[in-house]
Amino acid sequence: MKAVNIYACLLMLFIIGCKSNNEEKTEKFQKHRNKIINVEDKIIDIKTEILFGNSLLYIINDILIVTEGPSHGDKGIHLFDKNTFKYITSTAIIGKGPGEVTRPGRIGFDNKNRVLWVSDHGKKVMWKFPLDSILNNEMYKPTENLDLYDDLFIERFGFLNDSIALGKAVRVLSNHSYEMVMTKLKLNTNVTEVYGYEHPEAVGRKSNSQFKLSVENNLYVNCYYYCDLMTICDLDGNLKYNVYGPGWLKNKDNRKSYFAAVCLTNNNIIAAYIGDVGIIFDEFKRPRGNLPSKFLVFDMDGNYKVTIETGYKFLYFCVDEENKRVIAYFDGRENPLGYFNLNFD
């Protein structure tokens, strides 16, 4: 009997040890992120031939794509040469007619077929814009789209291949509540299904996260708005790392905001970070959402490398890895579009 008890104890210690080793491999706690580089005096203004408002930014091939939200003109998407910032063309005609876009959302790029897939939050569809058609016809209107449904409305996404998109979808729970879940969208059948790992603490409102994937690095990242949390998964949806910041589990009332956007390079995860109260007041004491002024840079395993302080609030950004620079749409600068150089190595 004593021998049986000894074996049982040894087995229990072995199980606990395996669990501890596994948690040590996947759980990363970062109490300090205080290696700071200030680039405030290194931001270079980008002066464009056309004016546009608050915009999402993307780099696709040699093109800088600017998506207005909402649009201030008759088209919602503008294309520039990413090397010279010379204006190329605009697309996504704003309107309610056939092939027109009511309210442009985020963009996903099918690299194999050179296709932009553009979310339209007004018509609840995802429009197919072949890049060559955009470049050859300034009045191009798409004829193909996918319906988007309220039960799983994929909103932030990237392409795993030419037939599957992965991303975060909004799932409406009631008139006053929602959650965001990881999903897979099969373009051939227009079926969206829940997919991959979700952190057990990131539920309800706290499930709101920024998403980005990298086929080259076989991973995707979710950076959370109401949690000081970043999850890194492989493209099969398996957890690689949970990365916890100093604000982890310190935001019970959701008054603070953390990650606002994320981009991936070949060697780095670059995330826009607030780390402060989510609601601030302007000079007229009107409430507004807080914005980030800094970036956190991690390696692909989630290890912290450096903090980049810009000195200005910004709304969106993208990374031009070839030219080693970060392009951002700033708030409060005379020229809102600007960039700074960054050696990613």
Protein backbone atom coordinates (compact mmCIF):
# COMPACT_ATOMS: atom_id res chain seq x y z
CA MET A 1 0.00 0.00 0.00
CA LYS A 2 2.85 2.38 0.86
CA ALA A 3 4.46 1.64 -2.50
CA VAL A 4 1.22 2.49 -4.29
CA ASN A 5 1.00 5.81 -2.39
CA ILE A 6 4.61 6.66 -3.29
CA TYR A 7 3.95 5.97 -6.97
CA ALA A 8 0.81 8.11 -6.83
CA CYS A 9 2.73 11.00 -5.29
CA LEU A 10 5.49 10.72 -7.88
CA LEU A 11 2.92 10.71 -10.68
CA MET A 12 1.24 13.81 -9.24
CA LEU A 13 4.60 15.63 -8.98
CA PHE A 14 5.37 14.68 -12.59
CA ILE A 15 2.03 16.08 -13.81
CA ILE A 16 2.49 19.30 -11.82
CA GLY A 17 6.01 19.66 -13.17
CA CYS A 18 4.86 19.21 -16.76
CA LYS A 19 2.12 21.78 -16.25
CA SER A 20 4.55 24.27 -14.70
CA ASN A 21 7.06 23.80 -17.51
CA ASN A 22 4.33 24.30 -20.12
CA GLU A 23 3.05 27.47 -18.43
CA GLU A 24 6.61 28.76 -18.19
CA LYS A 25 6.96 28.32 -21.93
CA THR A 26 3.68 29.98 -22.90
CA GLU A 27 3.08 32.59 -20.16
CA LYS A 28 5.28 35.71 -20.27
CA PHE A 29 4.93 38.47 -17.68
CA GLN A 30 6.57 41.84 -18.35
CA LYS A 31 6.51 44.17 -15.37
CA HIS A 32 8.64 46.89 -16.97
CA ARG A 33 8.83 48.23 -20.51
CA ASN A 34 11.07 51.21 -19.93
CA LYS A 35 13.69 51.16 -22.69
CA ILE A 36 12.52 54.30 -24.50
CA ILE A 37 13.59 55.89 -27.78
CA ASN A 38 12.12 59.34 -28.52
CA VAL A 39 11.54 60.20 -32.20
CA GLU A 40 9.49 63.38 -31.74
CA ASP A 41 12.03 65.53 -33.60
CA LYS A 42 12.55 62.90 -36.31
CA ILE A 43 9.02 62.79 -37.77
CA ILE A 44 8.94 63.83 -41.43
CA ASP A 45 5.74 65.30 -42.89
CA ILE A 46 4.18 63.66 -45.95
CA LYS A 47 2.51 66.24 -48.17
CA THR A 48 0.07 64.67 -50.63
CA GLU A 49 -1.65 65.99 -53.74
CA ILE A 50 -5.10 65.26 -52.31
CA LEU A 51 -6.67 65.89 -48.92
CA PHE A 52 -8.32 63.20 -46.84
CA GLY A 53 -9.57 62.69 -43.29
CA ASN A 54 -8.94 60.10 -40.59
CA SER A 55 -7.58 57.06 -42.38
CA LEU A 56 -6.49 53.45 -42.04
CA LEU A 57 -3.08 52.80 -43.60
CA TYR A 58 -1.72 49.76 -45.44
CA ILE A 59 1.39 48.84 -47.41
CA ILE A 60 0.66 46.44 -50.29
CA ASN A 61 3.51 45.71 -52.67
CA ASP A 62 4.91 49.17 -53.58
CA ILE A 63 1.68 50.98 -52.76
CA LEU A 64 0.60 52.95 -49.69
CA ILE A 65 -3.16 52.55 -49.37
CA VAL A 66 -5.19 55.08 -47.41
CA THR A 67 -8.77 54.19 -46.46
CA GLU A 68 -10.85 57.07 -45.17
CA GLY A 69 -13.39 56.52 -42.46
CA PRO A 70 -15.74 58.20 -43.07
CA SER A 71 -14.93 59.50 -46.54
CA HIS A 72 -14.82 63.26 -47.16
CA GLY A 73 -14.97 62.98 -50.97
CA ASP A 74 -16.55 60.91 -53.70
CA LYS A 75 -14.08 58.03 -53.22
CA GLY A 76 -12.96 56.33 -50.04
CA ILE A 77 -9.64 54.62 -50.89
CA HIS A 78 -6.52 56.42 -52.12
CA LEU A 79 -3.33 54.88 -53.52
CA PHE A 80 0.17 56.38 -53.38
CA ASP A 81 3.64 55.23 -54.38
CA LYS A 82 5.09 54.09 -51.06
CA ASN A 83 8.62 55.15 -52.05
CA THR A 84 7.89 58.70 -53.21
CA PHE A 85 4.37 59.25 -51.80
CA LYS A 86 3.27 60.37 -55.25
CA TYR A 87 -0.50 60.08 -55.75
CA ILE A 88 -1.55 57.22 -58.07
CA THR A 89 -5.35 56.99 -58.06
CA SER A 90 -8.47 56.65 -55.90
CA THR A 91 -11.18 54.01 -55.83
CA ALA A 92 -14.24 52.81 -53.87
CA ILE A 93 -16.88 55.24 -55.19
CA ILE A 94 -19.04 56.35 -52.27
CA GLY A 95 -22.77 55.82 -52.71
CA LYS A 96 -25.68 53.44 -52.40
CA GLY A 97 -25.82 52.26 -56.02
CA PRO A 98 -24.55 48.99 -57.52
CA GLY A 99 -20.82 48.55 -56.95
CA GLU A 100 -20.65 51.64 -54.77
CA VAL A 101 -19.39 51.56 -51.19
CA THR A 102 -21.50 53.07 -48.43
CA ARG A 103 -19.02 52.99 -45.53
CA PRO A 104 -15.54 51.55 -46.21
CA GLY A 105 -14.01 49.44 -43.45
CA ARG A 106 -10.81 47.46 -43.22
CA ILE A 107 -8.94 45.88 -46.08
CA GLY A 108 -7.51 42.38 -46.56
CA PHE A 109 -5.16 41.53 -49.41
CA ASP A 110 -5.16 38.26 -51.35
CA ASN A 111 -1.52 38.37 -52.43
CA LYS A 112 -1.75 35.43 -54.87
CA ASN A 113 -4.53 36.99 -56.95
CA ARG A 114 -3.66 40.65 -56.21
CA VAL A 115 -7.12 41.36 -54.84
CA LEU A 116 -8.23 43.86 -52.21
CA TRP A 117 -11.19 42.73 -50.15
CA VAL A 118 -12.89 45.81 -48.68
CA SER A 119 -15.44 45.65 -45.87
CA ASP A 120 -18.53 47.81 -46.38
CA HIS A 121 -20.16 48.36 -43.00
CA GLY A 122 -23.14 50.11 -44.56
CA LYS A 123 -24.16 47.36 -46.99
CA LYS A 124 -22.74 44.57 -44.78
CA VAL A 125 -20.69 43.06 -47.59
CA MET A 126 -17.04 42.55 -48.46
CA TRP A 127 -16.23 43.92 -51.93
CA LYS A 128 -13.70 42.36 -54.28
CA PHE A 129 -11.34 44.94 -55.84
CA PRO A 130 -8.71 43.43 -58.20
CA LEU A 131 -5.67 45.67 -57.88
CA ASP A 132 -5.03 45.75 -61.64
CA SER A 133 -8.62 46.91 -62.26
CA ILE A 134 -8.16 49.75 -59.79
CA LEU A 135 -4.92 50.86 -61.41
CA ASN A 136 -6.34 50.72 -64.96
CA ASN A 137 -9.76 52.24 -64.37
CA GLU A 138 -10.25 55.15 -61.98
CA MET A 139 -14.04 54.68 -62.18
CA TYR A 140 -13.93 50.94 -61.47
CA LYS A 141 -16.88 49.47 -59.56
CA PRO A 142 -16.69 45.95 -58.17
CA THR A 143 -19.26 43.39 -59.25
CA GLU A 144 -18.44 40.62 -56.75
CA ASN A 145 -18.95 40.62 -53.00
CA LEU A 146 -19.50 38.39 -49.99
CA ASP A 147 -22.35 38.94 -47.56
CA LEU A 148 -21.39 39.64 -43.96
CA TYR A 149 -23.72 38.44 -41.21
CA ASP A 150 -24.47 39.83 -37.76
CA ASP A 151 -23.92 36.52 -35.95
CA LEU A 152 -20.21 36.57 -36.93
CA PHE A 153 -19.32 39.83 -38.68
CA ILE A 154 -15.62 39.49 -39.56
CA GLU A 155 -14.14 42.96 -39.09
CA ARG A 156 -10.33 42.68 -38.77
CA PHE A 157 -8.77 40.09 -41.01
CA GLY A 158 -5.91 38.86 -43.16
CA PHE A 159 -5.55 36.13 -45.77
CA LEU A 160 -4.14 32.72 -44.96
CA ASN A 161 -4.37 31.85 -48.68
CA ASP A 162 -6.58 32.79 -51.63
CA SER A 163 -9.63 31.01 -50.19
CA ILE A 164 -9.38 31.46 -46.40
CA ALA A 165 -9.29 34.61 -44.27
CA LEU A 166 -8.59 34.64 -40.54
CA GLY A 167 -9.55 37.44 -38.21
CA LYS A 168 -11.61 38.87 -35.39
CA ALA A 169 -15.37 39.00 -35.84
CA VAL A 170 -18.04 40.88 -33.91
CA ARG A 171 -20.76 38.71 -32.42
CA VAL A 172 -23.79 40.67 -31.17
CA LEU A 173 -25.09 39.28 -27.87
CA SER A 174 -27.92 41.77 -27.31
CA ASN A 175 -28.90 45.34 -28.13
CA HIS A 176 -26.33 46.57 -25.60
CA SER A 177 -23.54 44.00 -25.65
CA TYR A 178 -21.17 42.21 -27.99
CA GLU A 179 -18.03 40.14 -28.01
CA MET A 180 -15.21 39.63 -30.50
CA VAL A 181 -14.10 36.12 -31.41
CA MET A 182 -11.41 34.59 -33.59
CA THR A 183 -12.91 33.25 -36.82
CA LYS A 184 -12.12 31.60 -40.13
CA LEU A 185 -13.90 32.79 -43.28
CA LYS A 186 -14.05 30.35 -46.21
CA LEU A 187 -14.49 32.50 -49.30
CA ASN A 188 -15.64 29.67 -51.58
CA THR A 189 -18.66 28.90 -49.41
CA ASN A 190 -18.96 32.23 -47.52
CA VAL A 191 -19.01 30.34 -44.22
CA THR A 192 -17.57 31.97 -41.10
CA GLU A 193 -16.77 29.76 -38.10
CA VAL A 194 -15.15 30.23 -34.70
CA TYR A 195 -11.47 29.36 -34.84
CA GLY A 196 -8.42 29.07 -32.64
CA TYR A 197 -7.38 30.01 -29.13
CA GLU A 198 -9.11 32.62 -26.99
CA HIS A 199 -7.73 33.77 -23.63
CA PRO A 200 -10.21 32.84 -20.85
CA GLU A 201 -10.01 36.31 -19.26
CA ALA A 202 -10.62 38.17 -22.55
CA VAL A 203 -14.40 37.84 -22.66
CA GLY A 204 -17.28 40.26 -23.25
CA ARG A 205 -16.04 43.80 -23.75
CA LYS A 206 -12.50 42.70 -22.93
CA SER A 207 -12.47 40.50 -26.05
CA ASN A 208 -11.95 43.61 -28.24
CA SER A 209 -8.55 43.17 -29.88
CA GLN A 210 -6.45 44.28 -32.82
CA PHE A 211 -5.48 41.44 -35.17
CA LYS A 212 -2.68 40.80 -37.62
CA LEU A 213 -1.32 37.66 -39.26
CA SER A 214 1.91 36.74 -41.02
CA VAL A 215 1.97 33.73 -43.32
CA GLU A 216 5.76 34.02 -43.61
CA ASN A 217 6.19 33.69 -39.85
CA ASN A 218 3.34 31.16 -39.41
CA LEU A 219 1.61 33.18 -36.70
CA TYR A 220 -1.10 35.65 -35.88
CA VAL A 221 -1.32 38.16 -33.06
CA ASN A 222 -4.18 39.63 -31.02
CA CYS A 223 -3.46 42.76 -28.97
CA TYR A 224 -6.24 43.69 -26.57
CA TYR A 225 -7.78 47.11 -26.00
CA TYR A 226 -9.09 46.63 -22.45
CA CYS A 227 -6.45 44.10 -21.32
CA ASP A 228 -2.70 44.56 -21.14
CA LEU A 229 -2.43 41.33 -23.10
CA MET A 230 -1.02 40.07 -26.36
CA THR A 231 -1.64 36.52 -27.57
CA ILE A 232 0.54 34.91 -30.23
CA CYS A 233 -0.79 31.82 -32.03
CA ASP A 234 0.33 29.68 -34.94
CA LEU A 235 -1.82 29.68 -38.07
CA ASP A 236 -3.55 26.49 -36.93
CA GLY A 237 -4.97 28.47 -34.02
CA ASN A 238 -2.73 26.97 -31.32
CA LEU A 239 -1.41 29.20 -28.56
CA LYS A 240 2.29 29.98 -28.66
CA TYR A 241 2.51 32.74 -26.04
CA ASN A 242 0.38 34.86 -23.74
CA VAL A 243 2.29 38.10 -23.12
CA TYR A 244 1.14 40.10 -20.08
CA GLY A 245 2.07 43.76 -19.50
CA PRO A 246 2.31 45.69 -16.22
CA GLY A 247 -1.41 46.56 -16.39
CA TRP A 248 -2.57 42.94 -16.52
CA LEU A 249 -5.64 42.35 -14.30
CA LYS A 250 -5.59 46.01 -13.17
CA ASN A 251 -8.48 47.20 -15.33
CA LYS A 252 -11.56 45.71 -13.71
CA ASP A 253 -13.77 48.70 -14.62
CA ASN A 254 -12.47 49.01 -18.22
CA ARG A 255 -11.45 52.64 -17.67
CA LYS A 256 -7.99 52.11 -19.12
CA SER A 257 -7.01 51.31 -22.69
CA TYR A 258 -3.96 49.43 -23.86
CA PHE A 259 -3.34 48.26 -27.45
CA ALA A 260 -4.79 50.32 -30.31
CA ALA A 261 -3.23 48.71 -33.42
CA VAL A 262 -0.55 46.20 -34.43
CA CYS A 263 1.69 45.44 -37.43
CA LEU A 264 4.08 42.57 -38.13
CA THR A 265 7.45 42.66 -39.86
CA ASN A 266 9.76 39.74 -40.60
CA ASN A 267 11.36 40.01 -37.16
CA ASN A 268 9.17 42.24 -35.02
CA ILE A 269 5.72 42.82 -33.61
CA ILE A 270 5.07 46.57 -33.51
CA ALA A 271 2.04 47.65 -31.49
CA ALA A 272 0.47 51.06 -30.83
CA TYR A 273 0.06 51.34 -27.07
CA ILE A 274 -1.94 53.68 -24.82
CA GLY A 275 -1.55 52.28 -21.29
CA ASP A 276 -3.66 55.07 -19.78
CA VAL A 277 -7.27 56.15 -19.28
CA GLY A 278 -9.46 55.40 -22.29
CA ILE A 279 -11.59 58.57 -22.14
CA ILE A 280 -10.04 62.06 -21.99
CA PHE A 281 -11.48 65.57 -22.32
CA ASP A 282 -10.63 68.23 -24.88
CA GLU A 283 -10.17 71.96 -24.25
CA PHE A 284 -13.96 72.39 -24.21
CA LYS A 285 -14.34 69.57 -21.66
CA ARG A 286 -15.91 67.28 -24.24
CA PRO A 287 -15.13 63.57 -23.82
CA ARG A 288 -13.18 61.76 -26.53
CA GLY A 289 -11.35 58.49 -26.89
CA ASN A 290 -7.70 58.51 -25.93
CA LEU A 291 -5.09 57.75 -28.58
CA PRO A 292 -1.61 56.22 -28.44
CA SER A 293 1.58 58.22 -28.79
CA LYS A 294 4.01 55.32 -28.55
CA PHE A 295 4.85 51.94 -29.99
CA LEU A 296 5.97 48.80 -28.20
CA VAL A 297 8.34 46.60 -30.18
CA PHE A 298 8.58 42.85 -29.49
CA ASP A 299 10.33 40.00 -31.21
CA MET A 300 8.21 37.26 -32.77
CA ASP A 301 8.14 35.33 -29.49
CA GLY A 302 6.68 38.30 -27.64
CA ASN A 303 9.86 39.33 -25.85
CA TYR A 304 9.94 43.08 -25.23
CA LYS A 305 12.64 45.01 -27.10
CA VAL A 306 12.00 48.76 -26.95
CA THR A 307 9.41 51.54 -26.62
CA ILE A 308 9.27 54.25 -29.30
CA GLU A 309 7.75 57.55 -28.13
CA THR A 310 6.55 59.84 -30.95
CA GLY A 311 5.45 62.78 -28.79
CA TYR A 312 2.18 63.03 -30.75
CA LYS A 313 -1.12 61.20 -30.59
CA PHE A 314 -1.86 59.13 -33.68
CA LEU A 315 -4.84 57.20 -35.00
CA TYR A 316 -3.42 54.55 -37.34
CA PHE A 317 -0.09 53.37 -38.71
CA CYS A 318 1.59 50.95 -41.08
CA VAL A 319 5.14 49.70 -41.52
CA ASP A 320 7.20 50.08 -44.70
CA GLU A 321 9.79 47.46 -43.92
CA GLU A 322 11.66 47.83 -47.21
CA ASN A 323 12.32 51.54 -46.58
CA LYS A 324 12.72 50.98 -42.82
CA ARG A 325 10.07 53.44 -41.71
CA VAL A 326 6.80 53.71 -39.82
CA ILE A 327 4.04 55.79 -41.42
CA ALA A 328 1.30 57.18 -39.16
CA TYR A 329 -1.80 59.35 -39.34
CA PHE A 330 -1.27 61.81 -36.48
CA ASP A 331 -3.80 63.81 -34.51
CA GLY A 332 -3.09 67.51 -33.92
CA ARG A 333 -0.26 67.97 -36.42
CA GLU A 334 -0.61 70.47 -39.27
CA ASN A 335 0.28 67.67 -41.66
CA PRO A 336 -1.40 64.60 -40.15
CA LEU A 337 0.43 62.10 -42.36
CA GLY A 338 4.07 61.57 -41.46
CA TYR A 339 6.78 59.00 -40.97
CA PHE A 340 9.95 58.29 -39.04
CA ASN A 341 12.82 55.99 -39.92
CA LEU A 342 13.38 52.87 -37.87
CA ASN A 343 16.10 50.26 -38.07
CA PHE A 344 14.09 47.11 -37.37
CA ASP A 345 17.21 45.10 -36.58
